[in-house]
Amino acid sequence: MNSLRGAALTAVAGGILVLTGCHGAEDAADAHAASATAVAARTTAVGGTASDAPSTTTPPSPPTATPSSPDSADAPAPSATNRTTTRSTAPTARPGCRNLPVTTSVKTAVTAAYRRSYPRFVHVRPVAHHFFYGECGATRYAATSFEATAGATTEELVAMQDEGSATKYFRAVSGAGWGYLASDGFPQGPYGCGDIPQIPADLAKAWGDCSVG
């Protein structure tokens, strides 16, 4: 009995050893496989292959927007307009206009006509080198500015500050005396006496538009 029991125990122990060895071999194989897998994973993570490496994709460039031309760009640019000074009322042209030398009697008669039109001016005379005289047909014309003379009152001096700088125009029709005709504006027009409608254009031209510059 003891020998049978011993044999049985020996058989059981041998079976246990066999099972233990099998399990150990399986565990070793599993461990080896796991180790190999880990090594492969590390290798892939570090180096990788060309197919595994993440490809760098260059994002497509955005389309270039071509600005559309506004309707106004198609329209032709407005041409510059030449601005010229025009006369509101052109002086009339009369044949036979000519410039004449002035005499003292003409200056005296013109000054008297000015005093009649402006009674407050008594002590006045034509400004030197600023007297124009001429005729168109049977009508005579004169243009001059005035200045105060000795004996002028304070009222005259003050009034001449405004009136003295403006050229006055006179006319004498055949068979009649001189009369006041017109006055320059302030400031004087760009064409001088050529801007005065009452003065014939040909005479204003002969006078050089009454310029003394």
N, C-alpha and C. Protein backbone atom coordinates (compact mmCIF):
# COMPACT_ATOMS: atom_id res chain seq x y z
N MET A 1 0.84 -1.19 0.00
CA MET A 1 0.00 0.00 0.00
C MET A 1 0.86 1.23 0.00
N ASN A 2 1.87 1.19 0.78
CA ASN A 2 2.74 2.35 0.86
C ASN A 2 3.44 2.60 -0.47
N SER A 3 3.79 1.47 -1.13
CA SER A 3 4.47 1.65 -2.41
C SER A 3 3.53 2.22 -3.45
N LEU A 4 2.27 1.79 -3.43
CA LEU A 4 1.29 2.33 -4.38
C LEU A 4 1.05 3.82 -4.12
N ARG A 5 0.93 4.12 -2.83
CA ARG A 5 0.71 5.53 -2.48
C ARG A 5 1.90 6.36 -2.93
N GLY A 6 3.10 5.82 -2.76
CA GLY A 6 4.29 6.58 -3.16
C GLY A 6 4.34 6.76 -4.66
N ALA A 7 3.95 5.68 -5.36
CA ALA A 7 3.97 5.81 -6.82
C ALA A 7 2.96 6.83 -7.30
N ALA A 8 1.78 6.81 -6.62
CA ALA A 8 0.75 7.80 -7.01
C ALA A 8 1.23 9.20 -6.76
N LEU A 9 1.83 9.42 -5.64
CA LEU A 9 2.32 10.76 -5.30
C LEU A 9 3.39 11.21 -6.29
N THR A 10 4.22 10.18 -6.63
CA THR A 10 5.28 10.53 -7.60
C THR A 10 4.69 10.93 -8.93
N ALA A 11 3.64 10.19 -9.36
CA ALA A 11 3.00 10.50 -10.64
C ALA A 11 2.35 11.87 -10.61
N VAL A 12 1.68 12.14 -9.48
CA VAL A 12 1.03 13.46 -9.37
C VAL A 12 2.06 14.56 -9.42
N ALA A 13 3.16 14.36 -8.68
CA ALA A 13 4.21 15.38 -8.65
C ALA A 13 4.80 15.57 -10.02
N GLY A 14 4.96 14.46 -10.76
CA GLY A 14 5.51 14.59 -12.11
C GLY A 14 4.57 15.33 -13.02
N GLY A 15 3.25 15.05 -12.84
CA GLY A 15 2.29 15.80 -13.67
C GLY A 15 2.32 17.28 -13.39
N ILE A 16 2.45 17.56 -12.08
CA ILE A 16 2.50 19.00 -11.72
C ILE A 16 3.70 19.66 -12.35
N LEU A 17 4.84 18.96 -12.32
CA LEU A 17 6.05 19.53 -12.90
C LEU A 17 5.90 19.74 -14.40
N VAL A 18 5.23 18.71 -15.04
CA VAL A 18 5.03 18.85 -16.49
C VAL A 18 4.17 20.05 -16.80
N LEU A 19 3.05 20.19 -16.04
CA LEU A 19 2.15 21.33 -16.27
C LEU A 19 2.87 22.65 -16.01
N THR A 20 3.66 22.62 -14.90
CA THR A 20 4.39 23.85 -14.57
C THR A 20 5.35 24.24 -15.69
N GLY A 21 6.03 23.21 -16.24
CA GLY A 21 6.97 23.48 -17.33
C GLY A 21 6.28 24.00 -18.56
N CYS A 22 5.09 23.39 -18.87
CA CYS A 22 4.35 23.88 -20.04
C CYS A 22 3.94 25.34 -19.88
N HIS A 23 3.37 25.62 -18.67
CA HIS A 23 2.95 27.01 -18.43
C HIS A 23 4.13 27.95 -18.48
N GLY A 24 5.31 27.50 -17.93
CA GLY A 24 6.49 28.37 -17.95
C GLY A 24 6.94 28.65 -19.35
N ALA A 25 6.88 27.55 -20.20
CA ALA A 25 7.29 27.78 -21.59
C ALA A 25 6.37 28.74 -22.30
N GLU A 26 5.02 28.57 -22.04
CA GLU A 26 4.06 29.48 -22.67
C GLU A 26 4.28 30.91 -22.19
N ASP A 27 4.51 31.02 -20.83
CA ASP A 27 4.73 32.38 -20.31
C ASP A 27 5.97 33.01 -20.91
N ALA A 28 7.05 32.18 -21.07
CA ALA A 28 8.28 32.71 -21.65
C ALA A 28 8.06 33.15 -23.08
N ALA A 29 7.28 32.31 -23.81
CA ALA A 29 7.00 32.67 -25.21
C ALA A 29 6.20 33.95 -25.29
N ASP A 30 5.18 34.02 -24.37
CA ASP A 30 4.37 35.26 -24.37
C ASP A 30 5.22 36.47 -24.03
N ALA A 31 6.11 36.31 -23.05
CA ALA A 31 6.96 37.43 -22.64
C ALA A 31 7.87 37.85 -23.77
N HIS A 32 8.42 36.82 -24.48
CA HIS A 32 9.32 37.13 -25.60
C HIS A 32 8.57 37.88 -26.71
N ALA A 33 7.35 37.39 -26.97
CA ALA A 33 6.55 38.06 -28.01
C ALA A 33 6.22 39.48 -27.62
N ALA A 34 5.86 39.65 -26.34
CA ALA A 34 5.54 41.01 -25.87
C ALA A 34 6.73 41.91 -25.96
N SER A 35 7.92 41.36 -25.60
CA SER A 35 9.14 42.17 -25.67
C SER A 35 9.43 42.60 -27.10
N ALA A 36 9.27 41.62 -28.04
CA ALA A 36 9.54 41.94 -29.45
C ALA A 36 8.57 43.00 -29.97
N THR A 37 7.31 42.86 -29.52
CA THR A 37 6.31 43.86 -29.96
C THR A 37 6.65 45.25 -29.45
N ALA A 38 7.10 45.30 -28.18
CA ALA A 38 7.46 46.60 -27.60
C ALA A 38 8.62 47.22 -28.32
N VAL A 39 9.63 46.35 -28.64
CA VAL A 39 10.81 46.88 -29.35
C VAL A 39 10.40 47.42 -30.72
N ALA A 40 9.53 46.64 -31.40
CA ALA A 40 9.08 47.09 -32.73
C ALA A 40 8.33 48.40 -32.64
N ALA A 41 7.50 48.52 -31.59
CA ALA A 41 6.73 49.76 -31.42
C ALA A 41 7.64 50.93 -31.19
N ARG A 42 8.71 50.72 -30.32
CA ARG A 42 9.64 51.81 -30.06
C ARG A 42 10.40 52.20 -31.32
N THR A 43 10.75 51.17 -32.10
CA THR A 43 11.49 51.45 -33.34
C THR A 43 10.64 52.29 -34.30
N THR A 44 9.38 51.90 -34.39
CA THR A 44 8.47 52.64 -35.28
C THR A 44 8.28 54.07 -34.81
N ALA A 45 8.15 54.24 -33.46
CA ALA A 45 7.93 55.59 -32.92
C ALA A 45 9.11 56.49 -33.17
N VAL A 46 10.35 55.89 -33.02
CA VAL A 46 11.55 56.71 -33.16
C VAL A 46 11.88 56.99 -34.61
N GLY A 47 11.98 55.94 -35.39
CA GLY A 47 12.40 56.12 -36.79
C GLY A 47 11.23 56.09 -37.72
N GLY A 48 10.50 55.00 -37.73
CA GLY A 48 9.38 54.85 -38.64
C GLY A 48 9.86 54.64 -40.06
N THR A 49 8.95 54.37 -40.90
CA THR A 49 9.25 54.21 -42.32
C THR A 49 8.63 55.34 -43.09
N ALA A 50 8.98 55.46 -44.38
CA ALA A 50 8.45 56.55 -45.20
C ALA A 50 6.95 56.49 -45.30
N SER A 51 6.41 55.27 -45.31
CA SER A 51 4.96 55.16 -45.44
C SER A 51 4.25 55.49 -44.14
N ASP A 52 4.96 55.22 -42.98
CA ASP A 52 4.32 55.49 -41.69
C ASP A 52 4.48 56.95 -41.28
N ALA A 53 5.52 57.62 -41.79
CA ALA A 53 5.75 59.01 -41.34
C ALA A 53 4.61 59.90 -41.80
N PRO A 54 4.20 60.77 -40.90
CA PRO A 54 3.09 61.66 -41.29
C PRO A 54 3.54 62.56 -42.43
N SER A 55 2.74 62.56 -43.47
CA SER A 55 3.09 63.39 -44.63
C SER A 55 2.76 64.85 -44.36
N THR A 56 3.68 65.69 -44.81
CA THR A 56 3.46 67.14 -44.65
C THR A 56 2.73 67.65 -45.87
N THR A 57 1.53 68.09 -45.68
CA THR A 57 0.70 68.55 -46.80
C THR A 57 0.68 70.07 -46.82
N THR A 58 1.15 70.63 -47.90
CA THR A 58 1.12 72.10 -48.03
C THR A 58 -0.29 72.54 -48.35
N PRO A 59 -0.85 73.36 -47.46
CA PRO A 59 -2.24 73.78 -47.71
C PRO A 59 -2.32 74.58 -48.99
N PRO A 60 -3.34 74.36 -49.75
CA PRO A 60 -3.46 75.09 -51.03
C PRO A 60 -3.55 76.58 -50.79
N SER A 61 -2.85 77.34 -51.63
CA SER A 61 -2.89 78.79 -51.48
C SER A 61 -4.27 79.29 -51.86
N PRO A 62 -4.72 80.27 -51.11
CA PRO A 62 -6.07 80.79 -51.40
C PRO A 62 -6.12 81.42 -52.77
N PRO A 63 -7.22 81.31 -53.45
CA PRO A 63 -7.32 81.89 -54.81
C PRO A 63 -7.14 83.39 -54.77
N THR A 64 -6.42 83.90 -55.75
CA THR A 64 -6.20 85.34 -55.83
C THR A 64 -7.46 86.01 -56.35
N ALA A 65 -7.96 86.90 -55.51
CA ALA A 65 -9.20 87.59 -55.90
C ALA A 65 -8.86 88.74 -56.82
N THR A 66 -9.45 88.78 -57.98
CA THR A 66 -9.25 89.87 -58.93
C THR A 66 -10.35 90.90 -58.74
N PRO A 67 -9.96 92.09 -58.20
CA PRO A 67 -11.03 93.08 -57.93
C PRO A 67 -11.70 93.50 -59.21
N SER A 68 -12.97 93.52 -59.15
CA SER A 68 -13.73 93.94 -60.33
C SER A 68 -13.72 95.44 -60.43
N SER A 69 -13.56 95.94 -61.62
CA SER A 69 -13.52 97.38 -61.82
C SER A 69 -14.91 97.95 -61.65
N PRO A 70 -15.03 99.02 -60.84
CA PRO A 70 -16.35 99.65 -60.71
C PRO A 70 -16.79 100.25 -62.01
N ASP A 71 -18.07 100.45 -62.12
CA ASP A 71 -18.62 101.01 -63.36
C ASP A 71 -18.01 102.35 -63.68
N SER A 72 -17.68 103.10 -62.59
CA SER A 72 -17.15 104.44 -62.84
C SER A 72 -15.78 104.39 -63.47
N ALA A 73 -15.04 103.24 -63.26
CA ALA A 73 -13.71 103.16 -63.85
C ALA A 73 -13.78 103.07 -65.36
N ASP A 74 -14.89 102.50 -65.90
CA ASP A 74 -15.05 102.39 -67.34
C ASP A 74 -15.41 103.71 -67.98
N ALA A 75 -15.95 104.61 -67.15
CA ALA A 75 -16.38 105.90 -67.70
C ALA A 75 -15.17 106.76 -67.96
N PRO A 76 -15.11 107.49 -69.06
CA PRO A 76 -13.95 108.35 -69.35
C PRO A 76 -13.87 109.48 -68.36
N ALA A 77 -12.62 109.82 -67.97
CA ALA A 77 -12.43 110.91 -67.01
C ALA A 77 -12.89 112.20 -67.64
N PRO A 78 -13.56 113.05 -66.83
CA PRO A 78 -14.03 114.32 -67.39
C PRO A 78 -12.85 115.17 -67.81
N SER A 79 -12.95 115.74 -68.95
CA SER A 79 -11.86 116.57 -69.45
C SER A 79 -11.86 117.89 -68.71
N ALA A 80 -10.63 118.41 -68.53
CA ALA A 80 -10.50 119.69 -67.83
C ALA A 80 -11.08 120.80 -68.69
N THR A 81 -11.81 121.67 -68.06
CA THR A 81 -12.44 122.78 -68.78
C THR A 81 -11.58 124.00 -68.61
N ASN A 82 -11.20 124.59 -69.72
CA ASN A 82 -10.41 125.81 -69.65
C ASN A 82 -11.28 126.94 -69.15
N ARG A 83 -10.84 127.50 -68.03
CA ARG A 83 -11.62 128.58 -67.45
C ARG A 83 -11.02 129.90 -67.91
N THR A 84 -11.82 130.69 -68.52
CA THR A 84 -11.37 131.99 -68.98
C THR A 84 -12.27 133.05 -68.38
N THR A 85 -11.68 134.20 -68.18
CA THR A 85 -12.45 135.31 -67.65
C THR A 85 -13.26 135.93 -68.77
N THR A 86 -14.54 135.98 -68.60
CA THR A 86 -15.42 136.54 -69.62
C THR A 86 -16.00 137.85 -69.13
N ARG A 87 -16.25 138.71 -70.03
CA ARG A 87 -16.83 140.00 -69.68
C ARG A 87 -18.35 139.88 -69.69
N SER A 88 -18.97 140.41 -68.64
CA SER A 88 -20.42 140.28 -68.53
C SER A 88 -21.12 141.00 -69.68
N THR A 89 -20.62 142.18 -70.03
CA THR A 89 -21.20 142.94 -71.14
C THR A 89 -20.05 143.50 -71.97
N ALA A 90 -19.90 143.02 -73.18
CA ALA A 90 -18.77 143.45 -74.01
C ALA A 90 -18.99 144.88 -74.49
N PRO A 91 -17.93 145.71 -74.45
CA PRO A 91 -18.06 147.06 -74.98
C PRO A 91 -18.34 147.01 -76.47
N THR A 92 -19.08 147.99 -76.95
CA THR A 92 -19.41 148.04 -78.38
C THR A 92 -18.22 148.56 -79.18
N ALA A 93 -18.05 148.00 -80.37
CA ALA A 93 -16.98 148.45 -81.25
C ALA A 93 -17.52 149.52 -82.19
N ARG A 94 -16.80 150.61 -82.29
CA ARG A 94 -17.23 151.70 -83.16
C ARG A 94 -16.09 152.05 -84.11
N PRO A 95 -16.40 152.29 -85.36
CA PRO A 95 -15.34 152.62 -86.31
C PRO A 95 -14.79 154.02 -86.06
N GLY A 96 -13.54 154.20 -86.42
CA GLY A 96 -12.94 155.53 -86.33
C GLY A 96 -12.50 155.92 -84.94
N CYS A 97 -12.31 154.95 -84.00
CA CYS A 97 -11.85 155.29 -82.65
C CYS A 97 -10.34 155.52 -82.67
N ARG A 98 -9.90 156.56 -81.98
CA ARG A 98 -8.47 156.85 -81.93
C ARG A 98 -8.11 157.55 -80.62
N ASN A 99 -6.86 157.38 -80.24
CA ASN A 99 -6.33 158.02 -79.04
C ASN A 99 -5.88 159.44 -79.40
N LEU A 100 -6.11 160.40 -78.48
CA LEU A 100 -5.77 161.80 -78.75
C LEU A 100 -4.92 162.36 -77.61
N PRO A 101 -4.05 163.33 -77.90
CA PRO A 101 -3.32 164.00 -76.83
C PRO A 101 -4.26 164.92 -76.06
N VAL A 102 -4.13 164.92 -74.74
CA VAL A 102 -5.03 165.70 -73.91
C VAL A 102 -4.48 167.11 -73.71
N THR A 103 -5.38 168.05 -73.63
CA THR A 103 -5.00 169.45 -73.39
C THR A 103 -5.47 169.87 -72.00
N THR A 104 -4.94 170.98 -71.52
CA THR A 104 -5.33 171.48 -70.20
C THR A 104 -6.80 171.84 -70.17
N SER A 105 -7.33 172.36 -71.27
CA SER A 105 -8.74 172.74 -71.30
C SER A 105 -9.64 171.50 -71.18
N VAL A 106 -9.22 170.40 -71.77
CA VAL A 106 -10.00 169.15 -71.65
C VAL A 106 -9.98 168.68 -70.20
N LYS A 107 -8.82 168.71 -69.55
CA LYS A 107 -8.74 168.29 -68.15
C LYS A 107 -9.63 169.16 -67.26
N THR A 108 -9.61 170.46 -67.51
CA THR A 108 -10.43 171.37 -66.71
C THR A 108 -11.92 171.08 -66.90
N ALA A 109 -12.34 170.83 -68.14
CA ALA A 109 -13.75 170.56 -68.42
C ALA A 109 -14.17 169.22 -67.81
N VAL A 110 -13.31 168.23 -67.85
CA VAL A 110 -13.64 166.92 -67.26
C VAL A 110 -13.72 167.04 -65.74
N THR A 111 -12.81 167.82 -65.13
CA THR A 111 -12.85 167.99 -63.67
C THR A 111 -14.13 168.71 -63.25
N ALA A 112 -14.56 169.66 -64.03
CA ALA A 112 -15.82 170.36 -63.72
C ALA A 112 -16.99 169.39 -63.81
N ALA A 113 -16.98 168.49 -64.78
CA ALA A 113 -18.06 167.51 -64.89
C ALA A 113 -18.07 166.57 -63.68
N TYR A 114 -16.90 166.25 -63.17
CA TYR A 114 -16.81 165.38 -61.98
C TYR A 114 -17.38 166.10 -60.76
N ARG A 115 -17.07 167.36 -60.61
CA ARG A 115 -17.58 168.12 -59.46
C ARG A 115 -19.10 168.25 -59.52
N ARG A 116 -19.64 168.36 -60.71
CA ARG A 116 -21.10 168.45 -60.82
C ARG A 116 -21.75 167.13 -60.38
N SER A 117 -21.12 166.02 -60.70
CA SER A 117 -21.68 164.73 -60.31
C SER A 117 -21.42 164.41 -58.84
N TYR A 118 -20.33 164.96 -58.28
CA TYR A 118 -19.98 164.72 -56.87
C TYR A 118 -19.72 166.08 -56.22
N PRO A 119 -20.78 166.79 -55.84
CA PRO A 119 -20.63 168.16 -55.33
C PRO A 119 -19.74 168.28 -54.10
N ARG A 120 -19.58 167.20 -53.32
CA ARG A 120 -18.77 167.30 -52.10
C ARG A 120 -17.27 167.43 -52.42
N PHE A 121 -16.90 167.13 -53.66
CA PHE A 121 -15.49 167.24 -54.05
C PHE A 121 -15.26 168.59 -54.75
N VAL A 122 -14.61 169.47 -54.03
CA VAL A 122 -14.29 170.79 -54.59
C VAL A 122 -12.80 170.90 -54.88
N HIS A 123 -11.99 170.48 -53.92
CA HIS A 123 -10.54 170.57 -54.04
C HIS A 123 -9.98 169.25 -54.59
N VAL A 124 -10.18 169.05 -55.89
CA VAL A 124 -9.70 167.82 -56.53
C VAL A 124 -9.10 168.17 -57.89
N ARG A 125 -8.30 167.24 -58.39
CA ARG A 125 -7.70 167.38 -59.72
C ARG A 125 -7.38 165.98 -60.26
N PRO A 126 -7.21 165.84 -61.58
CA PRO A 126 -6.86 164.53 -62.14
C PRO A 126 -5.48 164.09 -61.67
N VAL A 127 -5.34 162.80 -61.42
CA VAL A 127 -4.04 162.24 -61.03
C VAL A 127 -3.08 162.35 -62.21
N ALA A 128 -1.87 162.81 -61.94
CA ALA A 128 -0.88 162.97 -63.00
C ALA A 128 -0.56 161.64 -63.68
N HIS A 129 -0.37 161.69 -64.97
CA HIS A 129 0.00 160.52 -65.79
C HIS A 129 -1.07 159.42 -65.76
N HIS A 130 -2.30 159.82 -65.49
CA HIS A 130 -3.38 158.84 -65.51
C HIS A 130 -4.63 159.48 -66.13
N PHE A 131 -4.44 160.01 -67.34
CA PHE A 131 -5.55 160.64 -68.04
C PHE A 131 -5.55 160.11 -69.48
N PHE A 132 -6.72 159.56 -69.88
CA PHE A 132 -6.86 158.99 -71.22
C PHE A 132 -7.93 159.79 -71.97
N TYR A 133 -7.61 160.07 -73.24
CA TYR A 133 -8.51 160.93 -74.02
C TYR A 133 -8.52 160.42 -75.46
N GLY A 134 -9.74 160.40 -76.04
CA GLY A 134 -9.85 159.92 -77.41
C GLY A 134 -11.24 160.18 -77.95
N GLU A 135 -11.47 159.73 -79.17
CA GLU A 135 -12.76 159.93 -79.80
C GLU A 135 -13.13 158.77 -80.69
N CYS A 136 -14.42 158.58 -80.85
CA CYS A 136 -14.97 157.59 -81.78
C CYS A 136 -16.04 158.33 -82.59
N GLY A 137 -15.70 158.64 -83.83
CA GLY A 137 -16.61 159.46 -84.62
C GLY A 137 -16.68 160.86 -84.06
N ALA A 138 -17.93 161.31 -83.77
CA ALA A 138 -18.12 162.66 -83.25
C ALA A 138 -18.20 162.70 -81.73
N THR A 139 -18.00 161.56 -81.08
CA THR A 139 -18.10 161.49 -79.61
C THR A 139 -16.70 161.36 -79.01
N ARG A 140 -16.46 162.20 -78.02
CA ARG A 140 -15.17 162.16 -77.32
C ARG A 140 -15.34 161.46 -75.96
N TYR A 141 -14.25 160.85 -75.51
CA TYR A 141 -14.25 160.12 -74.24
C TYR A 141 -13.00 160.48 -73.45
N ALA A 142 -13.14 160.40 -72.13
CA ALA A 142 -12.00 160.64 -71.24
C ALA A 142 -12.10 159.69 -70.05
N ALA A 143 -10.93 159.34 -69.50
CA ALA A 143 -10.87 158.47 -68.32
C ALA A 143 -9.74 158.94 -67.43
N THR A 144 -10.01 159.08 -66.15
CA THR A 144 -8.99 159.51 -65.20
C THR A 144 -9.45 159.21 -63.78
N SER A 145 -8.51 159.23 -62.85
CA SER A 145 -8.85 159.19 -61.42
C SER A 145 -8.44 160.53 -60.82
N PHE A 146 -8.94 160.81 -59.62
CA PHE A 146 -8.75 162.14 -59.03
C PHE A 146 -8.06 162.01 -57.67
N GLU A 147 -7.47 163.16 -57.27
CA GLU A 147 -6.82 163.25 -55.96
C GLU A 147 -7.14 164.60 -55.34
N ALA A 148 -7.02 164.68 -54.02
CA ALA A 148 -7.31 165.93 -53.31
C ALA A 148 -6.17 166.93 -53.51
N THR A 149 -6.53 168.18 -53.49
CA THR A 149 -5.53 169.25 -53.62
C THR A 149 -5.44 170.02 -52.31
N ALA A 150 -4.55 171.01 -52.27
CA ALA A 150 -4.40 171.83 -51.07
C ALA A 150 -5.72 172.52 -50.76
N GLY A 151 -6.05 172.59 -49.48
CA GLY A 151 -7.29 173.21 -49.05
C GLY A 151 -8.44 172.23 -48.93
N ALA A 152 -8.22 170.95 -49.22
CA ALA A 152 -9.30 169.95 -49.11
C ALA A 152 -9.72 169.79 -47.66
N THR A 153 -11.01 169.70 -47.44
CA THR A 153 -11.54 169.53 -46.09
C THR A 153 -11.35 168.08 -45.63
N THR A 154 -11.56 167.90 -44.32
CA THR A 154 -11.47 166.53 -43.78
C THR A 154 -12.48 165.62 -44.46
N GLU A 155 -13.67 166.16 -44.71
CA GLU A 155 -14.70 165.36 -45.38
C GLU A 155 -14.24 164.94 -46.78
N GLU A 156 -13.61 165.87 -47.50
CA GLU A 156 -13.11 165.53 -48.83
C GLU A 156 -12.00 164.48 -48.77
N LEU A 157 -11.09 164.65 -47.81
CA LEU A 157 -9.98 163.71 -47.70
C LEU A 157 -10.47 162.29 -47.38
N VAL A 158 -11.44 162.22 -46.47
CA VAL A 158 -11.98 160.90 -46.12
C VAL A 158 -12.71 160.29 -47.31
N ALA A 159 -13.50 161.09 -48.01
CA ALA A 159 -14.26 160.57 -49.15
C ALA A 159 -13.33 160.14 -50.28
N MET A 160 -12.21 160.84 -50.46
CA MET A 160 -11.29 160.48 -51.53
C MET A 160 -10.57 159.16 -51.27
N GLN A 161 -10.57 158.71 -50.03
CA GLN A 161 -9.95 157.41 -49.75
C GLN A 161 -10.67 156.29 -50.50
N ASP A 162 -11.97 156.48 -50.71
CA ASP A 162 -12.75 155.49 -51.46
C ASP A 162 -12.81 155.82 -52.94
N GLU A 163 -13.10 157.08 -53.26
CA GLU A 163 -13.31 157.47 -54.65
C GLU A 163 -12.02 157.67 -55.42
N GLY A 164 -10.96 158.05 -54.73
CA GLY A 164 -9.74 158.41 -55.43
C GLY A 164 -9.09 157.27 -56.19
N SER A 165 -9.27 156.02 -55.72
CA SER A 165 -8.61 154.89 -56.37
C SER A 165 -9.35 154.38 -57.59
N ALA A 166 -10.59 154.83 -57.79
CA ALA A 166 -11.41 154.34 -58.90
C ALA A 166 -11.30 155.28 -60.10
N THR A 167 -11.12 154.71 -61.28
CA THR A 167 -11.08 155.51 -62.50
C THR A 167 -12.49 155.91 -62.90
N LYS A 168 -12.65 157.18 -63.26
CA LYS A 168 -13.94 157.72 -63.69
C LYS A 168 -13.91 157.92 -65.21
N TYR A 169 -15.10 157.74 -65.81
CA TYR A 169 -15.21 157.82 -67.28
C TYR A 169 -16.21 158.92 -67.66
N PHE A 170 -15.85 159.67 -68.73
CA PHE A 170 -16.65 160.81 -69.15
C PHE A 170 -16.84 160.76 -70.66
N ARG A 171 -17.90 161.47 -71.09
CA ARG A 171 -18.21 161.51 -72.52
C ARG A 171 -18.71 162.91 -72.90
N ALA A 172 -18.33 163.34 -74.09
CA ALA A 172 -18.78 164.63 -74.61
C ALA A 172 -19.29 164.41 -76.03
N VAL A 173 -20.59 164.62 -76.19
CA VAL A 173 -21.20 164.46 -77.51
C VAL A 173 -21.03 165.78 -78.27
N SER A 174 -20.92 165.69 -79.59
CA SER A 174 -20.73 166.89 -80.40
C SER A 174 -21.86 167.90 -80.13
N GLY A 175 -21.46 169.11 -79.84
CA GLY A 175 -22.42 170.18 -79.57
C GLY A 175 -22.84 170.25 -78.13
N ALA A 176 -22.28 169.37 -77.25
CA ALA A 176 -22.63 169.40 -75.82
C ALA A 176 -21.35 169.30 -75.00
N GLY A 177 -21.46 169.60 -73.72
CA GLY A 177 -20.30 169.57 -72.83
C GLY A 177 -20.04 168.15 -72.30
N TRP A 178 -19.07 168.08 -71.42
CA TRP A 178 -18.70 166.80 -70.80
C TRP A 178 -19.68 166.40 -69.71
N GLY A 179 -19.91 165.10 -69.64
CA GLY A 179 -20.76 164.58 -68.58
C GLY A 179 -20.18 163.28 -68.01
N TYR A 180 -20.48 163.05 -66.74
CA TYR A 180 -20.00 161.83 -66.07
C TYR A 180 -20.68 160.61 -66.69
N LEU A 181 -19.91 159.55 -66.95
CA LEU A 181 -20.42 158.38 -67.65
C LEU A 181 -20.46 157.12 -66.78
N ALA A 182 -19.35 156.76 -66.14
CA ALA A 182 -19.28 155.50 -65.37
C ALA A 182 -18.06 155.53 -64.46
N SER A 183 -17.94 154.51 -63.63
CA SER A 183 -16.82 154.38 -62.70
C SER A 183 -16.35 152.93 -62.67
N ASP A 184 -15.07 152.75 -62.41
CA ASP A 184 -14.54 151.40 -62.20
C ASP A 184 -15.17 150.76 -60.97
N GLY A 185 -15.21 149.46 -60.98
CA GLY A 185 -15.60 148.76 -59.76
C GLY A 185 -14.39 148.67 -58.83
N PHE A 186 -14.62 148.10 -57.67
CA PHE A 186 -13.50 147.91 -56.74
C PHE A 186 -13.49 146.46 -56.27
N PRO A 187 -12.44 145.70 -56.57
CA PRO A 187 -11.27 146.16 -57.31
C PRO A 187 -11.56 146.28 -58.80
N GLN A 188 -10.64 146.88 -59.51
CA GLN A 188 -10.81 147.08 -60.95
C GLN A 188 -10.87 145.73 -61.66
N GLY A 189 -11.66 145.67 -62.73
CA GLY A 189 -11.76 144.44 -63.50
C GLY A 189 -10.45 144.08 -64.17
N PRO A 190 -10.27 142.82 -64.56
CA PRO A 190 -9.00 142.39 -65.15
C PRO A 190 -8.68 143.06 -66.48
N TYR A 191 -9.70 143.60 -67.16
CA TYR A 191 -9.46 144.25 -68.45
C TYR A 191 -9.50 145.78 -68.35
N GLY A 192 -9.48 146.31 -67.14
CA GLY A 192 -9.46 147.76 -66.98
C GLY A 192 -10.65 148.42 -67.64
N CYS A 193 -10.39 149.46 -68.43
CA CYS A 193 -11.50 150.13 -69.09
C CYS A 193 -12.12 149.27 -70.19
N GLY A 194 -11.46 148.18 -70.55
CA GLY A 194 -12.08 147.24 -71.48
C GLY A 194 -13.27 146.52 -70.87
N ASP A 195 -13.42 146.57 -69.54
CA ASP A 195 -14.57 145.98 -68.86
C ASP A 195 -15.72 146.96 -68.70
N ILE A 196 -15.55 148.19 -69.14
CA ILE A 196 -16.60 149.21 -69.02
C ILE A 196 -17.42 149.23 -70.30
N PRO A 197 -18.69 148.81 -70.24
CA PRO A 197 -19.50 148.72 -71.47
C PRO A 197 -19.67 150.06 -72.19
N GLN A 198 -19.63 151.16 -71.42
CA GLN A 198 -19.87 152.47 -72.05
C GLN A 198 -18.67 152.95 -72.89
N ILE A 199 -17.53 152.30 -72.73
CA ILE A 199 -16.35 152.68 -73.51
C ILE A 199 -16.23 151.75 -74.71
N PRO A 200 -16.21 152.28 -75.94
CA PRO A 200 -16.09 151.43 -77.12
C PRO A 200 -14.84 150.55 -77.06
N ALA A 201 -14.98 149.32 -77.53
CA ALA A 201 -13.89 148.35 -77.43
C ALA A 201 -12.64 148.83 -78.17
N ASP A 202 -12.82 149.43 -79.34
CA ASP A 202 -11.66 149.89 -80.11
C ASP A 202 -10.91 151.00 -79.38
N LEU A 203 -11.65 151.87 -78.69
CA LEU A 203 -10.99 152.94 -77.94
C LEU A 203 -10.28 152.37 -76.71
N ALA A 204 -10.92 151.42 -76.02
CA ALA A 204 -10.27 150.78 -74.86
C ALA A 204 -8.98 150.10 -75.29
N LYS A 205 -9.00 149.50 -76.48
CA LYS A 205 -7.79 148.86 -76.99
C LYS A 205 -6.73 149.91 -77.29
N ALA A 206 -7.14 151.03 -77.88
CA ALA A 206 -6.19 152.10 -78.17
C ALA A 206 -5.60 152.68 -76.90
N TRP A 207 -6.36 152.66 -75.82
CA TRP A 207 -5.89 153.14 -74.52
C TRP A 207 -5.09 152.08 -73.75
N GLY A 208 -4.94 150.91 -74.33
CA GLY A 208 -4.24 149.83 -73.61
C GLY A 208 -4.99 149.38 -72.38
N ASP A 209 -6.35 149.41 -72.48
CA ASP A 209 -7.22 149.05 -71.35
C ASP A 209 -6.96 149.93 -70.13
N CYS A 210 -6.48 151.17 -70.41
CA CYS A 210 -6.25 152.16 -69.34
C CYS A 210 -5.21 151.68 -68.33
N SER A 211 -4.25 150.93 -68.79
CA SER A 211 -3.20 150.45 -67.89
C SER A 211 -2.06 151.45 -67.87
N VAL A 212 -1.55 151.72 -66.68
CA VAL A 212 -0.42 152.65 -66.54
C VAL A 212 0.80 151.92 -66.01
N GLY A 213 0.73 150.55 -65.93
CA GLY A 213 1.85 149.77 -65.40
C GLY A 213 2.95 149.61 -66.43
